[in-house]
Protein backbone atom coordinates (compact mmCIF):
# COMPACT_ATOMS: atom_id res chain seq x y z
CA MET A 1 -23.88 0.45 -20.08
CA SER A 2 -22.71 -2.33 -17.80
CA ILE A 3 -21.55 -5.77 -18.79
CA GLY A 4 -23.27 -8.92 -17.61
CA ASP A 5 -24.68 -12.30 -18.47
CA ASP A 6 -28.12 -10.74 -18.68
CA GLY A 7 -27.38 -9.63 -22.22
CA GLY A 8 -24.19 -7.67 -22.14
CA TYR A 9 -25.47 -4.31 -20.95
CA GLY A 10 -27.66 -2.61 -18.39
CA ASP A 11 -28.68 0.48 -18.14
CA GLY A 12 -8.49 18.62 -3.05
CA ARG A 13 -9.46 21.62 -2.60
CA GLY A 14 -7.48 23.56 -0.16
CA SER A 15 -8.25 26.94 1.33
CA GLY A 16 -6.19 29.30 3.39
CA THR A 17 -6.16 32.83 4.62
CA GLY A 18 -3.02 33.72 2.70
CA GLN A 19 -1.77 35.70 5.75
CA THR A 20 1.99 36.02 6.29
CA ARG A 21 3.48 36.96 9.63
CA THR A 22 6.61 39.15 9.52
CA ARG A 23 9.39 38.78 12.08
CA LEU A 24 10.55 42.06 13.56
CA PRO A 25 13.42 42.83 15.92
CA ASP A 26 12.90 42.08 19.63
CA GLY A 27 10.86 44.68 21.43
CA GLU A 28 8.70 45.52 18.41
CA SER A 29 5.24 44.24 17.55
CA ASP A 30 4.42 42.02 14.58
CA THR A 31 2.01 43.03 11.85
CA TYR A 32 -1.00 42.10 14.03
CA GLY A 33 0.12 44.14 17.03
CA THR A 34 1.19 41.21 19.23
CA PRO A 35 4.10 42.12 21.54
CA ARG A 36 7.25 40.06 21.25
CA ARG A 37 7.97 37.76 24.22
CA GLY A 38 11.31 38.02 25.96
CA ARG A 39 13.82 35.14 25.74
CA SER A 40 13.94 32.83 28.76
CA GLY A 41 15.20 29.24 29.14
CA LEU A 42 14.77 27.19 25.96
CA SER A 43 14.10 29.49 23.00
CA SER A 44 10.82 29.11 21.10
CA ARG A 45 12.76 28.21 17.95
CA ASN A 46 14.55 25.36 19.69
CA LEU A 47 11.29 24.17 21.24
CA VAL A 48 9.63 24.04 17.84
CA THR A 49 12.59 22.05 16.51
CA VAL A 50 12.36 19.51 19.31
CA VAL A 51 8.61 19.10 18.88
CA GLY A 52 9.07 18.69 15.11
CA VAL A 53 11.63 15.93 15.60
CA VAL A 54 9.32 14.07 17.99
CA VAL A 55 6.42 14.30 15.54
CA LEU A 56 8.58 12.97 12.70
CA LEU A 57 9.73 10.05 14.84
CA ILE A 58 6.15 9.13 15.74
CA ALA A 59 5.11 9.34 12.08
CA ALA A 60 8.04 7.15 11.01
CA ILE A 61 7.18 4.50 13.60
CA ALA A 62 3.52 4.49 12.54
CA PHE A 63 4.49 4.17 8.87
CA ALA A 64 6.88 1.32 9.60
CA ASN A 65 4.23 -0.55 11.57
CA ARG A 66 1.69 -0.11 8.78
CA GLY A 67 4.14 -1.38 6.17
CA GLY A 68 4.99 -4.37 8.32
CA SER A 69 1.36 -5.44 8.63
CA GLY A 70 0.88 -5.15 4.90
CA ASN A 71 3.73 -7.55 4.13
CA SER A 72 3.24 -10.10 6.85
CA GLU A 73 1.11 -13.08 6.02
CA THR A 74 0.74 -13.97 9.70
CA ASP A 75 -0.13 -10.51 10.97
CA THR A 76 -3.67 -10.65 12.27
CA GLY A 77 -4.40 -6.92 12.27
CA SER A 78 -6.80 -5.23 14.66
CA THR A 79 -9.31 -8.07 14.80
CA GLY A 80 -6.81 -10.87 15.32
CA SER A 81 -7.92 -12.73 12.22
CA PRO A 82 -5.70 -13.19 9.14
CA LYS A 83 -8.87 -13.34 7.04
CA ASP A 84 -10.04 -9.96 8.34
CA GLN A 85 -6.59 -8.50 7.71
CA ALA A 86 -6.69 -9.62 4.07
CA ALA A 87 -10.22 -8.27 3.65
CA SER A 88 -9.09 -4.83 4.81
CA ARG A 89 -6.53 -4.55 1.98
CA PRO A 90 -7.90 -6.55 -0.95
CA THR A 91 -6.09 -4.54 -3.62
CA ALA A 92 -2.77 -3.81 -1.93
CA PRO A 93 -0.06 -3.61 -4.62
CA THR A 94 2.35 -6.54 -4.85
CA GLY A 95 5.00 -5.24 -7.22
CA THR A 96 4.30 -8.04 -9.67
CA LYS A 97 4.78 -6.83 -13.24
CA PRO A 98 1.81 -6.91 -15.67
CA VAL A 99 1.71 -9.78 -18.14
CA THR A 100 3.23 -9.29 -21.58
CA GLY A 101 1.08 -11.64 -23.67
CA LYS A 102 -1.93 -10.46 -25.68
CA SER A 103 -4.83 -12.01 -27.54
CA ALA A 104 -7.27 -9.84 -29.51
CA GLY A 105 -5.57 -6.87 -27.86
CA ILE A 106 -6.34 -8.25 -24.39
CA ALA A 107 -3.72 -9.14 -21.79
CA THR A 108 -3.20 -12.90 -21.39
CA GLY A 109 -0.95 -15.33 -19.57
CA PHE A 110 -1.97 -14.51 -16.00
CA PRO A 111 -0.37 -16.65 -13.28
CA LYS A 112 -2.34 -19.40 -11.58
CA THR A 113 -2.59 -17.46 -8.34
CA GLU A 114 -5.16 -15.37 -6.51
CA GLN A 115 -3.39 -12.22 -7.69
CA GLY A 116 -3.37 -13.53 -11.24
CA ALA A 117 -7.12 -14.13 -11.08
CA GLN A 118 -7.71 -10.59 -9.83
CA SER A 119 -5.57 -9.12 -12.60
CA ALA A 120 -7.38 -11.17 -15.23
CA ALA A 121 -10.79 -10.07 -13.95
CA ALA A 122 -9.82 -6.37 -14.05
CA ASN A 123 -8.54 -6.63 -17.62
CA TYR A 124 -11.57 -8.62 -18.75
CA VAL A 125 -13.91 -5.94 -17.42
CA VAL A 126 -12.08 -3.41 -19.59
CA ALA A 127 -12.31 -5.63 -22.68
CA LEU A 128 -16.01 -6.43 -22.24
CA SER A 129 -16.89 -2.77 -21.65
CA GLY A 130 -15.00 -1.35 -24.64
CA ASP A 131 -16.27 -0.09 -27.96
CA GLY A 132 -15.00 -3.27 -29.63
CA MET A 133 -18.09 -5.06 -28.34
CA TYR A 134 -20.17 -3.03 -30.81
CA GLN A 135 -18.36 -4.49 -33.84
CA ALA A 136 -19.21 -8.08 -34.78
CA ASP A 137 -15.72 -9.33 -35.67
CA ARG A 138 -14.02 -7.71 -32.69
CA ARG A 139 -16.77 -8.83 -30.33
CA ASP A 140 -16.34 -12.51 -31.23
CA ALA A 141 -12.56 -12.25 -30.82
CA ILE A 142 -12.96 -10.63 -27.41
CA VAL A 143 -15.40 -13.30 -26.25
CA ASP A 144 -13.07 -16.08 -27.40
CA ALA A 145 -10.18 -14.44 -25.55
CA VAL A 146 -11.84 -13.99 -22.15
CA TYR A 147 -14.45 -16.78 -21.84
CA THR A 148 -14.01 -20.51 -21.46
CA PRO A 149 -14.64 -22.34 -24.77
CA SER A 150 -18.05 -23.63 -23.66
CA ALA A 151 -19.14 -20.30 -22.23
CA ALA A 152 -17.92 -18.42 -25.32
CA THR A 153 -20.11 -20.51 -27.60
CA ALA A 154 -23.17 -19.78 -25.50
CA ARG A 155 -22.40 -16.09 -25.09
CA LYS A 156 -21.72 -15.13 -28.69
CA GLU A 157 -25.33 -15.43 -29.79
CA SER A 158 -26.82 -13.64 -26.78
CA LEU A 159 -24.27 -10.84 -27.09
CA ARG A 160 -24.93 -10.53 -30.81
CA LYS A 161 -28.62 -9.97 -30.08
CA SER A 162 -27.84 -7.43 -27.39
CA TYR A 163 -25.35 -5.35 -29.34
CA THR A 164 -27.34 -5.32 -32.56
CA ASP A 165 -30.66 -4.47 -30.93
CA PRO A 166 -31.96 -1.39 -32.83
CA LYS A 167 -33.62 0.01 -29.73
CA PHE A 168 -30.46 -0.28 -27.67
CA LEU A 169 -28.29 1.27 -30.40
CA ALA A 170 -30.74 4.13 -30.84
CA GLN A 171 -30.69 4.84 -27.09
CA ALA A 172 -26.91 4.94 -27.21
CA GLY A 173 -27.05 7.31 -30.20
CA LEU A 174 -25.27 4.85 -32.50
CA LYS A 175 -26.03 3.84 -36.06
CA ALA A 176 -27.43 0.43 -36.99
CA ASP A 177 -23.93 -1.01 -37.50
CA GLY A 178 -22.82 0.13 -34.04
CA SER A 179 -20.70 3.03 -35.28
CA ALA A 180 -20.92 6.65 -34.19
CA PRO A 181 -22.65 9.29 -36.34
CA GLN A 182 -20.38 11.49 -38.44
CA GLY A 183 -18.58 14.09 -36.37
CA MET A 184 -19.08 12.15 -33.13
CA THR A 185 -16.67 10.07 -31.03
CA PHE A 186 -18.15 7.02 -29.32
CA VAL A 187 -16.76 6.47 -25.82
CA SER A 188 -17.13 3.25 -23.85
CA ARG A 189 -14.23 2.76 -21.45
CA ALA A 190 -14.07 0.98 -18.09
CA ASN A 191 -11.66 2.06 -15.37
CA PRO A 192 -11.21 -0.57 -12.64
CA VAL A 193 -10.82 0.93 -9.18
CA GLY A 194 -10.19 -2.28 -7.25
CA THR A 195 -10.71 -6.02 -7.08
CA ARG A 196 -11.80 -8.41 -4.34
CA THR A 197 -11.53 -12.18 -4.03
CA GLU A 198 -14.85 -13.74 -3.08
CA ALA A 199 -13.50 -17.30 -3.32
CA PHE A 200 -10.33 -19.01 -4.52
CA GLU A 201 -9.80 -22.76 -4.88
CA GLY A 202 -6.65 -23.01 -6.98
CA ALA A 203 -8.22 -23.77 -10.37
CA THR A 204 -11.39 -21.74 -9.83
CA ALA A 205 -11.97 -18.27 -8.47
CA LYS A 206 -14.76 -15.80 -7.86
CA ILE A 207 -13.57 -12.23 -8.27
CA SER A 208 -15.44 -8.93 -7.98
CA VAL A 209 -14.26 -5.80 -9.78
CA TRP A 210 -15.42 -2.31 -8.82
CA TYR A 211 -15.13 0.08 -11.75
CA SER A 212 -16.34 3.29 -13.32
CA LEU A 213 -17.53 3.47 -16.91
CA LEU A 214 -17.33 6.39 -19.31
CA PHE A 215 -20.08 6.03 -21.87
CA GLY A 216 -21.63 8.29 -24.49
CA LEU A 217 -21.04 10.32 -27.64
CA ALA A 218 -18.62 13.23 -27.66
CA GLY A 219 -19.31 15.83 -30.31
CA GLN A 220 -21.16 19.03 -31.03
CA GLY A 221 -24.89 18.56 -30.55
CA SER A 222 -24.62 15.12 -28.92
CA GLN A 223 -27.85 14.00 -27.32
CA ASN A 224 -25.92 11.39 -25.30
CA PRO A 225 -22.93 13.23 -23.81
CA VAL A 226 -20.21 11.16 -22.17
CA ALA A 227 -21.18 10.42 -18.58
CA GLU A 228 -19.69 8.37 -15.75
CA SER A 229 -21.43 5.41 -14.11
CA TRP A 230 -20.29 2.93 -11.46
CA TYR A 231 -20.65 -0.86 -11.37
CA THR A 232 -19.41 -4.00 -9.67
CA ALA A 233 -18.86 -7.06 -11.88
CA THR A 234 -18.50 -10.50 -10.32
CA MET A 235 -16.79 -13.21 -12.37
CA GLN A 236 -16.61 -16.95 -11.98
CA LEU A 237 -13.16 -17.82 -13.35
CA GLN A 238 -11.70 -21.18 -14.33
CA TRP A 239 -8.13 -22.14 -15.15
CA VAL A 240 -8.29 -23.34 -18.76
CA ASN A 241 -5.41 -24.00 -21.16
CA GLY A 242 -2.89 -22.15 -19.02
CA ASP A 243 -4.92 -19.00 -18.28
CA TRP A 244 -7.89 -17.67 -16.36
CA LYS A 245 -11.17 -17.60 -18.31
CA ILE A 246 -14.68 -16.45 -17.48
CA ALA A 247 -17.25 -19.17 -16.86
CA GLY A 248 -19.95 -16.80 -15.59
CA LEU A 249 -20.46 -13.06 -15.11
CA THR A 250 -22.98 -10.83 -13.34
CA THR A 251 -22.98 -7.05 -12.94
CA GLY A 252 -24.68 -4.75 -10.45
CA ALA A 253 -24.85 -0.98 -10.15
CA GLY A 254 -22.56 0.95 -7.81
CA PRO A 255 -21.40 1.72 -5.29
CA ALA A 256 -21.27 5.22 -6.75
CA PRO A 257 -19.41 8.05 -4.96
CA VAL A 258 -20.66 11.61 -4.72
CA GLY A 259 -19.80 13.55 -7.87
CA GLY A 260 -17.10 16.17 -7.68
CA ASP A 261 -17.54 19.88 -8.39
CA GLN A 262 -15.31 19.98 -11.46
CA ALA A 263 -16.71 21.70 -14.51
CA ALA A 264 -17.57 19.29 -17.32
CA ALA A 265 -15.13 19.34 -20.23
CA THR A 266 -16.20 20.36 -23.71
CA ALA A 267 -17.13 17.70 -26.26
CA ASP A 268 -13.96 18.47 -28.21
CA ALA A 269 -11.78 18.06 -25.12
CA ILE A 270 -13.36 14.68 -24.32
CA SER A 271 -12.87 13.48 -27.90
CA LYS A 272 -9.20 14.47 -27.86
CA ALA A 273 -8.68 12.84 -24.46
CA VAL A 274 -10.19 9.53 -25.57
CA GLN A 275 -8.11 9.51 -28.75
CA GLY A 276 -4.93 10.73 -27.05
CA PHE A 277 -4.88 8.61 -23.89
CA GLY A 278 -4.43 4.88 -24.37
CA GLY A 279 -5.72 2.14 -22.09
CA LEU A 280 -3.79 0.28 -19.40
CA THR A 281 -2.95 -3.30 -18.56
CA TYR A 282 -4.22 -3.77 -15.03
CA ALA A 283 -2.28 -5.89 -12.56
CA ARG A 284 -2.77 -6.74 -8.91
């Protein structure tokens, strides 16, 4: 279920032959019957070494050039435009450490920068997609922590209606109080993949977050097994009381990649994974 201002929810493999060629003394054939060539001029071993060195040098130069473009603010990239260069690497890591402050279990104290706005948006997506939104006291605390004061007041009532809607809870397989049935583990966890700045004006920002969402009930006989969905949330952020806060939020489906060919885990394995792996503080 995706987050949004519409009510809080919406609906390496490798392969090889395994063959091994065996070196035999000169004059003999290898295991596939190919005659050995005589030695003349530069040996084949030396030639391979020279070619290998050249390839490594070319790769090193290419890597150095790529790293230089990523760190240069004036590098214009292939199109000659600094704006296009930034658009091609919207989530390049910066090395900036995650924030250490927390409010209602949510990271706080993001810097008043474009990177800070992106980090805040990613963490807020996680908070607003978590199972805490299905519990009244935790939901209000989350809303107060991530929204501007005026927006929080308006959102609390609409979110209360959404997350206590009997029809919605029944579709999710939850009980009337938002808890999971006995023997089941409720899973609602967002995993941001990347962020993008749509606009930044110093004290305001518009940030989009692309993320996957694990949602469902893990347990024997679950009619709503944990499944993965993809969304893009776009937030209007404002700098309020020394931190970024949400003034508006919309969510759309996708883009969703093609599913892999991994076998689905058992309900017990999913339950143990959710309970055994904690969440992350996301930083740009």
